[in-house]
Amino acid sequence: MADRYLTVAQVAELLGTTERFPRRLIAERRIVFVKVGRHVRIPESALHAFIDANTVQPFGDRRSSLRRAA
C-alpha cells in the first residue's frame, strides 16, 4: 500500500492546529518529512507514528489509590 504525502496545511488541518505547529515539528526534526524540490511533504504514516508516540494513556481509577485508611 502506497503512503500518502501530506502538505503542511493538510497536516495542520488533521491535527486541528495552525500551519505553524507542523512547521515547528519539521524545523525541530521531531517528525519525518520529505523534501520534494522546495516543497515539504509529511508521509501519512509518519503523522500517525508521531500521534501514537505522543499519546498519553490514562491511569485508570485514581480515586481508589488516593483513599486514606481511617
PDB file of N, CA and C in Angstrom:
ATOM      1  N   MET A   1       0.848  -1.188   0.000  1.00  0.00           N
ATOM      2  CA  MET A   1       0.000   0.000   0.000  1.00  0.00           C
ATOM      3  C   MET A   1       0.888   1.244   0.000  1.00  0.00           C
ATOM      4  N   ALA A   2       0.619   2.161  -0.889  1.00  0.00           N
ATOM      5  CA  ALA A   2       1.418   3.380  -1.010  1.00  0.00           C
ATOM      6  C   ALA A   2       1.021   4.385   0.064  1.00  0.00           C
ATOM      7  N   ASP A   3       2.015   5.094   0.546  1.00  0.00           N
ATOM      8  CA  ASP A   3       1.807   6.104   1.579  1.00  0.00           C
ATOM      9  C   ASP A   3       1.415   7.427   0.921  1.00  0.00           C
ATOM     10  N   ARG A   4       0.440   8.116   1.488  1.00  0.00           N
ATOM     11  CA  ARG A   4       0.081   9.451   1.009  1.00  0.00           C
ATOM     12  C   ARG A   4       1.046  10.461   1.599  1.00  0.00           C
ATOM     13  N   TYR A   5       1.414  11.446   0.817  1.00  0.00           N
ATOM     14  CA  TYR A   5       2.279  12.519   1.287  1.00  0.00           C
ATOM     15  C   TYR A   5       1.438  13.768   1.449  1.00  0.00           C
ATOM     16  N   LEU A   6       1.426  14.304   2.663  1.00  0.00           N
ATOM     17  CA  LEU A   6       0.553  15.416   3.011  1.00  0.00           C
ATOM     18  C   LEU A   6       1.316  16.729   3.035  1.00  0.00           C
ATOM     19  N   THR A   7       0.623  17.797   2.675  1.00  0.00           N
ATOM     20  CA  THR A   7       1.208  19.128   2.777  1.00  0.00           C
ATOM     21  C   THR A   7       1.157  19.582   4.227  1.00  0.00           C
ATOM     22  N   VAL A   8       1.860  20.647   4.520  1.00  0.00           N
ATOM     23  CA  VAL A   8       1.847  21.210   5.871  1.00  0.00           C
ATOM     24  C   VAL A   8       0.425  21.640   6.232  1.00  0.00           C
ATOM     25  N   ALA A   9      -0.282  22.214   5.280  1.00  0.00           N
ATOM     26  CA  ALA A   9      -1.663  22.647   5.530  1.00  0.00           C
ATOM     27  C   ALA A   9      -2.574  21.468   5.846  1.00  0.00           C
ATOM     28  N   GLN A  10      -2.401  20.356   5.127  1.00  0.00           N
ATOM     29  CA  GLN A  10      -3.221  19.171   5.390  1.00  0.00           C
ATOM     30  C   GLN A  10      -2.922  18.589   6.766  1.00  0.00           C
ATOM     31  N   VAL A  11      -1.645  18.559   7.153  1.00  0.00           N
ATOM     32  CA  VAL A  11      -1.268  18.053   8.475  1.00  0.00           C
ATOM     33  C   VAL A  11      -1.860  18.936   9.559  1.00  0.00           C
ATOM     34  N   ALA A  12      -1.775  20.243   9.369  1.00  0.00           N
ATOM     35  CA  ALA A  12      -2.339  21.177  10.347  1.00  0.00           C
ATOM     36  C   ALA A  12      -3.842  20.968  10.495  1.00  0.00           C
ATOM     37  N   GLU A  13      -4.521  20.752   9.391  1.00  0.00           N
ATOM     38  CA  GLU A  13      -5.964  20.528   9.451  1.00  0.00           C
ATOM     39  C   GLU A  13      -6.294  19.228  10.187  1.00  0.00           C
ATOM     40  N   LEU A  14      -5.536  18.161   9.902  1.00  0.00           N
ATOM     41  CA  LEU A  14      -5.779  16.886  10.575  1.00  0.00           C
ATOM     42  C   LEU A  14      -5.513  16.968  12.073  1.00  0.00           C
ATOM     43  N   LEU A  15      -4.503  17.752  12.464  1.00  0.00           N
ATOM     44  CA  LEU A  15      -4.176  17.907  13.887  1.00  0.00           C
ATOM     45  C   LEU A  15      -5.050  18.960  14.575  1.00  0.00           C
ATOM     46  N   GLY A  16      -5.747  19.756  13.796  1.00  0.00           N
ATOM     47  CA  GLY A  16      -6.574  20.809  14.378  1.00  0.00           C
ATOM     48  C   GLY A  16      -5.738  21.969  14.901  1.00  0.00           C
ATOM     49  N   THR A  17      -4.636  22.265  14.214  1.00  0.00           N
ATOM     50  CA  THR A  17      -3.751  23.344  14.632  1.00  0.00           C
ATOM     51  C   THR A  17      -3.546  24.312  13.476  1.00  0.00           C
ATOM     52  N   THR A  18      -2.749  25.330  13.724  1.00  0.00           N
ATOM     53  CA  THR A  18      -2.342  26.216  12.638  1.00  0.00           C
ATOM     54  C   THR A  18      -1.176  25.574  11.896  1.00  0.00           C
ATOM     55  N   GLU A  19      -0.794  26.143  10.769  1.00  0.00           N
ATOM     56  CA  GLU A  19       0.336  25.608   9.998  1.00  0.00           C
ATOM     57  C   GLU A  19       1.658  25.793  10.734  1.00  0.00           C
ATOM     58  N   ARG A  20       1.685  26.689  11.678  1.00  0.00           N
ATOM     59  CA  ARG A  20       2.924  26.948  12.411  1.00  0.00           C
ATOM     60  C   ARG A  20       3.399  25.710  13.190  1.00  0.00           C
ATOM     61  N   PHE A  21       2.469  24.955  13.761  1.00  0.00           N
ATOM     62  CA  PHE A  21       2.837  23.793  14.571  1.00  0.00           C
ATOM     63  C   PHE A  21       3.556  22.716  13.757  1.00  0.00           C
ATOM     64  N   PRO A  22       2.985  22.242  12.611  1.00  0.00           N
ATOM     65  CA  PRO A  22       3.739  21.252  11.833  1.00  0.00           C
ATOM     66  C   PRO A  22       5.064  21.804  11.298  1.00  0.00           C
ATOM     67  N   ARG A  23       5.104  23.074  10.975  1.00  0.00           N
ATOM     68  CA  ARG A  23       6.369  23.671  10.521  1.00  0.00           C
ATOM     69  C   ARG A  23       7.413  23.643  11.646  1.00  0.00           C
ATOM     70  N   ARG A  24       6.976  23.861  12.873  1.00  0.00           N
ATOM     71  CA  ARG A  24       7.900  23.781  14.001  1.00  0.00           C
ATOM     72  C   ARG A  24       8.384  22.349  14.216  1.00  0.00           C
ATOM     73  N   LEU A  25       7.483  21.363  14.070  1.00  0.00           N
ATOM     74  CA  LEU A  25       7.883  19.961  14.173  1.00  0.00           C
ATOM     75  C   LEU A  25       8.946  19.624  13.133  1.00  0.00           C
ATOM     76  N   ILE A  26       8.788  20.150  11.941  1.00  0.00           N
ATOM     77  CA  ILE A  26       9.762  19.922  10.870  1.00  0.00           C
ATOM     78  C   ILE A  26      11.079  20.607  11.212  1.00  0.00           C
ATOM     79  N   ALA A  27      11.034  21.848  11.632  1.00  0.00           N
ATOM     80  CA  ALA A  27      12.252  22.603  11.940  1.00  0.00           C
ATOM     81  C   ALA A  27      13.039  21.958  13.075  1.00  0.00           C
ATOM     82  N   GLU A  28      12.329  21.403  14.058  1.00  0.00           N
ATOM     83  CA  GLU A  28      12.978  20.755  15.202  1.00  0.00           C
ATOM     84  C   GLU A  28      13.285  19.287  14.933  1.00  0.00           C
ATOM     85  N   ARG A  29      12.983  18.808  13.722  1.00  0.00           N
ATOM     86  CA  ARG A  29      13.227  17.413  13.322  1.00  0.00           C
ATOM     87  C   ARG A  29      12.530  16.422  14.256  1.00  0.00           C
ATOM     88  N   ARG A  30      11.298  16.777  14.656  1.00  0.00           N
ATOM     89  CA  ARG A  30      10.527  15.911  15.547  1.00  0.00           C
ATOM     90  C   ARG A  30       9.560  15.020  14.787  1.00  0.00           C
ATOM     91  N   ILE A  31       9.474  15.197  13.459  1.00  0.00           N
ATOM     92  CA  ILE A  31       8.607  14.377  12.615  1.00  0.00           C
ATOM     93  C   ILE A  31       9.349  14.108  11.308  1.00  0.00           C
ATOM     94  N   VAL A  32       9.090  12.943  10.742  1.00  0.00           N
ATOM     95  CA  VAL A  32       9.708  12.571   9.469  1.00  0.00           C
ATOM     96  C   VAL A  32       9.074  13.410   8.359  1.00  0.00           C
ATOM     97  N   PHE A  33       9.901  13.910   7.445  1.00  0.00           N
ATOM     98  CA  PHE A  33       9.380  14.654   6.309  1.00  0.00           C
ATOM     99  C   PHE A  33      10.230  14.385   5.084  1.00  0.00           C
ATOM    100  N   VAL A  34       9.682  14.739   3.925  1.00  0.00           N
ATOM    101  CA  VAL A  34      10.351  14.529   2.645  1.00  0.00           C
ATOM    102  C   VAL A  34      10.413  15.873   1.934  1.00  0.00           C
ATOM    103  N   LYS A  35      11.593  16.198   1.403  1.00  0.00           N
ATOM    104  CA  LYS A  35      11.741  17.406   0.600  1.00  0.00           C
ATOM    105  C   LYS A  35      11.562  17.016  -0.864  1.00  0.00           C
ATOM    106  N   VAL A  36      10.632  17.656  -1.531  1.00  0.00           N
ATOM    107  CA  VAL A  36      10.396  17.453  -2.956  1.00  0.00           C
ATOM    108  C   VAL A  36      10.675  18.796  -3.616  1.00  0.00           C
ATOM    109  N   GLY A  37      11.918  18.971  -4.049  1.00  0.00           N
ATOM    110  CA  GLY A  37      12.320  20.294  -4.527  1.00  0.00           C
ATOM    111  C   GLY A  37      12.301  21.250  -3.353  1.00  0.00           C
ATOM    112  N   ARG A  38      11.558  22.315  -3.477  1.00  0.00           N
ATOM    113  CA  ARG A  38      11.440  23.257  -2.356  1.00  0.00           C
ATOM    114  C   ARG A  38      10.215  22.984  -1.483  1.00  0.00           C
ATOM    115  N   HIS A  39       9.453  21.972  -1.866  1.00  0.00           N
ATOM    116  CA  HIS A  39       8.244  21.621  -1.125  1.00  0.00           C
ATOM    117  C   HIS A  39       8.556  20.605  -0.033  1.00  0.00           C
ATOM    118  N   VAL A  40       7.777  20.657   1.033  1.00  0.00           N
ATOM    119  CA  VAL A  40       7.928  19.717   2.147  1.00  0.00           C
ATOM    120  C   VAL A  40       6.650  18.900   2.239  1.00  0.00           C
ATOM    121  N   ARG A  41       6.812  17.593   2.341  1.00  0.00           N
ATOM    122  CA  ARG A  41       5.671  16.691   2.485  1.00  0.00           C
ATOM    123  C   ARG A  41       5.914  15.769   3.660  1.00  0.00           C
ATOM    124  N   ILE A  42       4.841  15.420   4.347  1.00  0.00           N
ATOM    125  CA  ILE A  42       4.915  14.530   5.503  1.00  0.00           C
ATOM    126  C   ILE A  42       4.149  13.258   5.160  1.00  0.00           C
ATOM    127  N   PRO A  43       4.826  12.111   5.218  1.00  0.00           N
ATOM    128  CA  PRO A  43       4.113  10.851   4.956  1.00  0.00           C
ATOM    129  C   PRO A  43       3.012  10.639   5.996  1.00  0.00           C
ATOM    130  N   GLU A  44       1.883  10.155   5.538  1.00  0.00           N
ATOM    131  CA  GLU A  44       0.752   9.926   6.443  1.00  0.00           C
ATOM    132  C   GLU A  44       1.137   8.964   7.560  1.00  0.00           C
ATOM    133  N   SER A  45       1.963   7.964   7.248  1.00  0.00           N
ATOM    134  CA  SER A  45       2.397   7.007   8.272  1.00  0.00           C
ATOM    135  C   SER A  45       3.251   7.700   9.337  1.00  0.00           C
ATOM    136  N   ALA A  46       4.041   8.696   8.943  1.00  0.00           N
ATOM    137  CA  ALA A  46       4.861   9.445   9.905  1.00  0.00           C
ATOM    138  C   ALA A  46       3.974  10.260  10.838  1.00  0.00           C
ATOM    139  N   LEU A  47       2.889  10.811  10.296  1.00  0.00           N
ATOM    140  CA  LEU A  47       1.952  11.568  11.132  1.00  0.00           C
ATOM    141  C   LEU A  47       1.295  10.651  12.158  1.00  0.00           C
ATOM    142  N   HIS A  48       0.876   9.459  11.723  1.00  0.00           N
ATOM    143  CA  HIS A  48       0.258   8.502  12.648  1.00  0.00           C
ATOM    144  C   HIS A  48       1.269   8.040  13.699  1.00  0.00           C
ATOM    145  N   ALA A  49       2.516   7.836  13.295  1.00  0.00           N
ATOM    146  CA  ALA A  49       3.562   7.431  14.247  1.00  0.00           C
ATOM    147  C   ALA A  49       3.814   8.536  15.263  1.00  0.00           C
ATOM    148  N   PHE A  50       3.814   9.790  14.817  1.00  0.00           N
ATOM    149  CA  PHE A  50       4.004  10.921  15.733  1.00  0.00           C
ATOM    150  C   PHE A  50       2.863  10.988  16.745  1.00  0.00           C
ATOM    151  N   ILE A  51       1.642  10.821  16.270  1.00  0.00           N
ATOM    152  CA  ILE A  51       0.475  10.861  17.160  1.00  0.00           C
ATOM    153  C   ILE A  51       0.542   9.707  18.159  1.00  0.00           C
ATOM    154  N   ASP A  52       0.864   8.509  17.690  1.00  0.00           N
ATOM    155  CA  ASP A  52       0.966   7.345  18.582  1.00  0.00           C
ATOM    156  C   ASP A  52       2.054   7.531  19.636  1.00  0.00           C
ATOM    157  N   ALA A  53       3.193   8.094  19.231  1.00  0.00           N
ATOM    158  CA  ALA A  53       4.311   8.285  20.162  1.00  0.00           C
ATOM    159  C   ALA A  53       4.001   9.334  21.222  1.00  0.00           C
ATOM    160  N   ASN A  54       3.085  10.238  20.932  1.00  0.00           N
ATOM    161  CA  ASN A  54       2.782  11.317  21.866  1.00  0.00           C
ATOM    162  C   ASN A  54       1.420  11.180  22.530  1.00  0.00           C
ATOM    163  N   THR A  55       0.802  10.016  22.380  1.00  0.00           N
ATOM    164  CA  THR A  55      -0.480   9.763  23.018  1.00  0.00           C
ATOM    165  C   THR A  55      -0.253   9.340  24.463  1.00  0.00           C
ATOM    166  N   VAL A  56      -0.946   9.986  25.375  1.00  0.00           N
ATOM    167  CA  VAL A  56      -0.810   9.708  26.808  1.00  0.00           C
ATOM    168  C   VAL A  56      -2.014   8.881  27.244  1.00  0.00           C
ATOM    169  N   GLN A  57      -1.747   7.748  27.852  1.00  0.00           N
ATOM    170  CA  GLN A  57      -2.803   6.854  28.317  1.00  0.00           C
ATOM    171  C   GLN A  57      -3.224   7.238  29.736  1.00  0.00           C
ATOM    172  N   PRO A  58      -4.513   7.134  30.045  1.00  0.00           N
ATOM    173  CA  PRO A  58      -4.974   7.441  31.402  1.00  0.00           C
ATOM    174  C   PRO A  58      -4.516   6.378  32.388  1.00  0.00           C
ATOM    175  N   PHE A  59      -4.429   6.758  33.661  1.00  0.00           N
ATOM    176  CA  PHE A  59      -4.012   5.839  34.711  1.00  0.00           C
ATOM    177  C   PHE A  59      -5.105   4.854  35.084  1.00  0.00           C
ATOM    178  N   GLY A  60      -6.325   5.250  34.969  1.00  0.00           N
ATOM    179  CA  GLY A  60      -7.438   4.416  35.416  1.00  0.00           C
ATOM    180  C   GLY A  60      -8.130   5.120  36.574  1.00  0.00           C
ATOM    181  N   ASP A  61      -8.690   4.344  37.499  1.00  0.00           N
ATOM    182  CA  ASP A  61      -9.411   4.917  38.629  1.00  0.00           C
ATOM    183  C   ASP A  61      -8.417   5.333  39.705  1.00  0.00           C
ATOM    184  N   ARG A  62      -8.141   6.620  39.780  1.00  0.00           N
ATOM    185  CA  ARG A  62      -7.171   7.122  40.762  1.00  0.00           C
ATOM    186  C   ARG A  62      -7.801   7.317  42.140  1.00  0.00           C
ATOM    187  N   ARG A  63      -9.128   7.409  42.184  1.00  0.00           N
ATOM    188  CA  ARG A  63      -9.782   7.658  43.470  1.00  0.00           C
ATOM    189  C   ARG A  63      -9.494   6.550  44.481  1.00  0.00           C
ATOM    190  N   SER A  64      -9.440   5.313  44.009  1.00  0.00           N
ATOM    191  CA  SER A  64      -9.205   4.215  44.951  1.00  0.00           C
ATOM    192  C   SER A  64      -7.781   4.257  45.503  1.00  0.00           C
ATOM    193  N   SER A  65      -6.819   4.766  44.747  1.00  0.00           N
ATOM    194  CA  SER A  65      -5.447   4.831  45.251  1.00  0.00           C
ATOM    195  C   SER A  65      -5.225   6.054  46.137  1.00  0.00           C
ATOM    196  N   LEU A  66      -6.140   7.014  46.107  1.00  0.00           N
ATOM    197  CA  LEU A  66      -5.980   8.218  46.904  1.00  0.00           C
ATOM    198  C   LEU A  66      -6.698   8.145  48.249  1.00  0.00           C
ATOM    199  N   ARG A  67      -7.467   7.090  48.478  1.00  0.00           N
ATOM    200  CA  ARG A  67      -8.199   6.961  49.740  1.00  0.00           C
ATOM    201  C   ARG A  67      -7.229   6.673  50.872  1.00  0.00           C
ATOM    202  N   ARG A  68      -7.519   7.261  52.001  1.00  0.00           N
ATOM    203  CA  ARG A  68      -6.685   7.035  53.193  1.00  0.00           C
ATOM    204  C   ARG A  68      -7.413   6.117  54.149  1.00  0.00           C
ATOM    205  N   ALA A  69      -6.647   5.352  54.839  1.00  0.00           N
ATOM    206  CA  ALA A  69      -7.237   4.487  55.869  1.00  0.00           C
ATOM    207  C   ALA A  69      -7.544   5.334  57.083  1.00  0.00           C
ATOM    208  N   ALA A  70      -8.702   5.106  57.679  1.00  0.00           N
ATOM    209  CA  ALA A  70      -9.095   5.901  58.836  1.00  0.00           C
ATOM    210  C   ALA A  70      -8.665   5.264  60.131  1.00  0.00           C
TER     211      ALA A  70
END
